Protein backbone atom coordinates (compact mmCIF):
# COMPACT_ATOMS: atom_id res chain seq x y z
CA UNK A 1 -55.77 -50.32 -30.54
CA UNK A 2 -57.10 -46.53 -29.63
CA UNK A 3 -59.36 -46.22 -27.18
CA UNK A 4 -62.97 -44.42 -27.66
CA UNK A 5 -64.24 -42.02 -25.30
CA UNK A 6 -65.59 -38.55 -25.61
CA UNK A 7 -62.46 -37.36 -27.35
CA UNK A 8 -63.53 -39.14 -30.34
CA UNK A 9 -66.58 -36.68 -30.73
CA UNK A 10 -64.12 -33.38 -31.58
CA UNK A 11 -65.01 -33.32 -34.74
CA UNK A 12 -68.51 -34.15 -34.67
CA UNK A 13 -69.87 -30.50 -35.55
CA UNK A 14 -68.24 -30.48 -38.42
CA UNK A 15 -68.64 -34.20 -39.80
CA UNK A 16 -72.45 -33.44 -39.03
CA UNK A 17 -72.59 -30.16 -41.42
CA UNK A 18 -70.51 -32.51 -44.23
CA UNK A 19 -73.40 -35.23 -43.57
CA UNK A 20 -75.23 -32.58 -44.26
CA UNK A 21 -74.08 -31.38 -46.96
CA UNK A 22 -73.20 -34.42 -48.79
CA UNK A 23 -76.99 -35.22 -48.43
CA UNK A 24 -78.15 -32.54 -50.49
CA UNK A 25 -75.25 -33.33 -53.08
CA UNK A 26 -77.02 -36.95 -53.07
CA UNK A 27 -80.59 -35.35 -53.63
CA UNK A 28 -79.50 -33.15 -55.87
CA UNK A 29 -77.47 -35.84 -57.88
CA UNK A 30 -74.62 -34.12 -57.59
CA UNK A 31 -72.30 -36.81 -55.56
CA UNK A 32 -72.61 -39.89 -53.77
CA UNK A 33 -70.37 -39.60 -50.58
CA UNK A 34 -70.68 -42.04 -47.50
CA UNK A 35 -69.74 -41.91 -44.52
CA UNK A 36 -67.60 -44.51 -43.14
CA UNK A 37 -67.90 -46.12 -39.43
CA UNK A 38 -64.74 -46.86 -37.92
CA UNK A 39 -65.21 -50.27 -36.27
CA UNK A 40 -64.81 -50.72 -32.31
CA UNK A 41 -65.43 -53.39 -29.66
CA UNK A 42 -67.78 -52.27 -26.75
CA UNK A 43 -65.90 -52.77 -23.97
CA UNK A 44 -68.58 -50.83 -21.39
CA UNK A 45 -72.00 -50.37 -21.62
CA UNK A 46 -73.98 -48.11 -19.58
CA UNK A 47 -76.78 -50.81 -18.46
CA UNK A 48 -80.07 -48.34 -18.35
CA UNK A 49 -79.21 -46.00 -21.60
CA UNK A 50 -77.21 -48.88 -23.76
CA UNK A 51 -75.06 -46.42 -24.30
CA UNK A 52 -70.99 -47.50 -24.93
CA UNK A 53 -69.02 -45.90 -22.61
CA UNK A 54 -65.88 -47.59 -23.44
CA UNK A 55 -64.43 -48.83 -26.63
CA UNK A 56 -61.58 -50.26 -28.54
CA UNK A 57 -60.65 -49.01 -32.43
CA UNK A 58 -60.82 -52.74 -34.05
CA UNK A 59 -58.92 -51.89 -36.56
CA UNK A 60 -57.00 -48.40 -38.31
CA UNK A 61 -59.27 -46.25 -40.35
CA UNK A 62 -58.67 -45.08 -43.86
CA UNK A 63 -60.67 -41.78 -44.17
CA UNK A 64 -64.06 -40.82 -43.22
CA UNK A 65 -65.34 -40.29 -46.48
CA UNK A 66 -65.24 -41.98 -49.42
CA UNK A 67 -67.59 -41.84 -52.85
CA UNK A 68 -67.78 -40.37 -56.26
CA UNK A 69 -68.31 -37.34 -57.65
CA UNK A 70 -69.80 -36.95 -61.32
CA UNK A 71 -67.51 -40.04 -61.76
CA UNK A 72 -65.08 -38.95 -59.96
CA UNK A 73 -63.52 -41.11 -57.22
CA UNK A 74 -63.51 -38.97 -53.84
CA UNK A 75 -61.77 -39.75 -50.71
CA UNK A 76 -61.57 -37.11 -47.43
CA UNK A 77 -61.49 -37.08 -44.06
CA UNK A 78 -62.70 -34.31 -42.00
CA UNK A 79 -60.47 -32.81 -38.96
CA UNK A 80 -60.69 -29.65 -36.35
CA UNK A 81 -58.00 -27.56 -35.07
CA UNK A 82 -58.45 -25.25 -32.00
CA UNK A 83 -55.07 -23.86 -32.15
CA UNK A 84 -53.14 -21.44 -34.80
CA UNK A 85 -51.26 -25.02 -35.91
CA UNK A 86 -52.30 -28.08 -36.89
CA UNK A 87 -50.20 -31.03 -35.51
CA UNK A 88 -49.76 -33.53 -38.57
CA UNK A 89 -49.97 -36.28 -35.77
CA UNK A 90 -53.66 -35.52 -36.39
CA UNK A 91 -53.37 -37.14 -39.71
CA UNK A 92 -51.65 -40.76 -39.59
CA UNK A 93 -49.22 -42.49 -41.62
CA UNK A 94 -51.99 -45.33 -42.72
CA UNK A 95 -54.30 -42.18 -43.73
CA UNK A 96 -51.48 -40.47 -45.68
CA UNK A 97 -50.58 -43.67 -47.18
CA UNK A 98 -54.14 -44.93 -48.47
CA UNK A 99 -54.75 -41.58 -49.69
CA UNK A 100 -51.65 -41.14 -52.00
CA UNK A 101 -52.71 -44.73 -52.98
CA UNK A 102 -56.20 -43.26 -53.69
CA UNK A 103 -54.57 -40.70 -55.84
CA UNK A 104 -52.60 -43.32 -58.05
CA UNK A 105 -55.43 -45.23 -58.77
CA UNK A 106 -57.08 -41.66 -60.30
CA UNK A 107 -59.06 -40.67 -57.50
CA UNK A 108 -59.02 -36.80 -55.95
CA UNK A 109 -58.04 -37.00 -51.89
CA UNK A 110 -58.06 -34.24 -49.77
CA UNK A 111 -59.00 -32.72 -45.95
CA UNK A 112 -61.46 -30.71 -44.82
CA UNK A 113 -60.17 -28.88 -42.17
CA UNK A 114 -62.03 -26.42 -39.52
CA UNK A 115 -59.86 -23.91 -38.07
CA UNK A 116 -62.24 -23.13 -35.07
CA UNK A 117 -60.54 -20.37 -33.80
CA UNK A 118 -61.61 -18.32 -36.54
CA UNK A 119 -64.82 -20.30 -38.01
CA UNK A 120 -63.10 -21.17 -41.16
CA UNK A 121 -63.04 -24.29 -43.15
CA UNK A 122 -60.63 -25.19 -45.62
CA UNK A 123 -60.13 -27.78 -48.33
CA UNK A 124 -56.72 -28.79 -48.08
CA UNK A 125 -55.74 -30.59 -51.22
CA UNK A 126 -53.81 -34.00 -51.15
CA UNK A 127 -50.52 -32.07 -52.77
CA UNK A 128 -50.54 -29.50 -49.78
CA UNK A 129 -51.24 -31.72 -47.00
CA UNK A 130 -48.39 -34.63 -48.49
CA UNK A 131 -46.19 -31.33 -48.98
CA UNK A 132 -46.18 -30.65 -45.14
CA UNK A 133 -46.10 -34.48 -44.49
CA UNK A 134 -42.80 -35.05 -46.42
CA UNK A 135 -41.03 -31.63 -44.77
CA UNK A 136 -42.01 -33.43 -41.36
CA UNK A 137 -40.78 -36.76 -42.67
CA UNK A 138 -37.25 -34.79 -43.58
CA UNK A 139 -37.00 -33.32 -40.20
CA UNK A 140 -38.75 -30.23 -40.34
CA UNK A 141 -41.70 -29.04 -38.25
CA UNK A 142 -44.14 -31.58 -37.39
CA UNK A 143 -47.39 -29.27 -37.95
CA UNK A 144 -48.43 -26.63 -40.25
CA UNK A 145 -49.75 -23.10 -39.33
CA UNK A 146 -52.91 -21.12 -39.96
CA UNK A 147 -50.81 -18.62 -42.02
CA UNK A 148 -48.90 -21.64 -44.06
CA UNK A 149 -52.38 -22.50 -45.54
CA UNK A 150 -53.33 -20.61 -48.58
CA UNK A 151 -56.37 -18.68 -47.88
CA UNK A 152 -57.72 -18.97 -51.28
CA UNK A 153 -59.12 -22.58 -50.74
CA UNK A 154 -61.70 -21.50 -48.37
CA UNK A 155 -64.78 -23.91 -48.61
CA UNK A 156 -68.12 -21.16 -48.49
CA UNK A 157 -71.90 -21.97 -47.69
CA UNK A 158 -74.39 -22.20 -50.52
CA UNK A 159 -77.87 -22.15 -49.27
CA UNK A 160 -78.53 -25.23 -47.61
CA UNK A 161 -75.11 -26.85 -48.34
CA UNK A 162 -73.20 -26.08 -44.87
CA UNK A 163 -69.65 -27.45 -46.40
CA UNK A 164 -69.75 -26.50 -49.69
CA UNK A 165 -66.53 -28.20 -50.80
CA UNK A 166 -67.63 -29.28 -54.50
CA UNK A 167 -66.39 -25.52 -55.72
CA UNK A 168 -62.88 -26.26 -53.85
CA UNK A 169 -62.64 -29.78 -55.48
CA UNK A 170 -63.72 -28.61 -59.11
CA UNK A 171 -60.69 -26.23 -58.59
CA UNK A 172 -58.49 -28.86 -57.63
CA UNK A 173 -59.36 -30.85 -60.68
CA UNK A 174 -58.82 -27.67 -62.77
CA UNK A 175 -55.37 -27.37 -61.81
CA UNK A 176 -54.30 -30.68 -61.96
CA UNK A 177 -55.28 -30.59 -65.13
CA UNK A 178 -53.03 -27.62 -66.16
CA UNK A 179 -50.03 -29.30 -64.32
CA UNK A 180 -50.57 -32.76 -65.20
CA UNK A 181 -47.58 -33.60 -63.76
CA UNK A 182 -47.91 -32.90 -59.86
CA UNK A 183 -46.79 -35.63 -57.83
CA UNK A 184 -48.91 -38.14 -55.68
């Protein structure tokens, strides 16, 4: 069990932008994506404001978001990285397992990664994440670098859609259709 405190708020800006984008997608009938709350047990509550100041996670979460885009099941996690290297320890084994199982059921899994140092957001397809994961399991580096990331997966903005990941999801689907034997 992990402890919840201010470190748990690290991704809140990215998540706020994704939540706003998901609301726009929903209003336009493009996608229905929900943020999955992480169940917690409060330990300490500030009496006057009634804010939780200390809590424990009840269980391991799967991913941050799940839903459907035009009939296609989708799940993804939002991550932020302030350095030029993204530690794979920021993605937990149970999350990788869930995304892999989700893909085996015909869904699409990915990560939205915000490199805060350069203020760029990327769609990391599950196949790419899994390639880095397998490299780590084989004894290789326990991270991947900004330089290793395919910059063509950069997520843009479109008017009021702050994180317009549907463009990259479309590309992911097109590339999968072109190479149906991609392992997941």
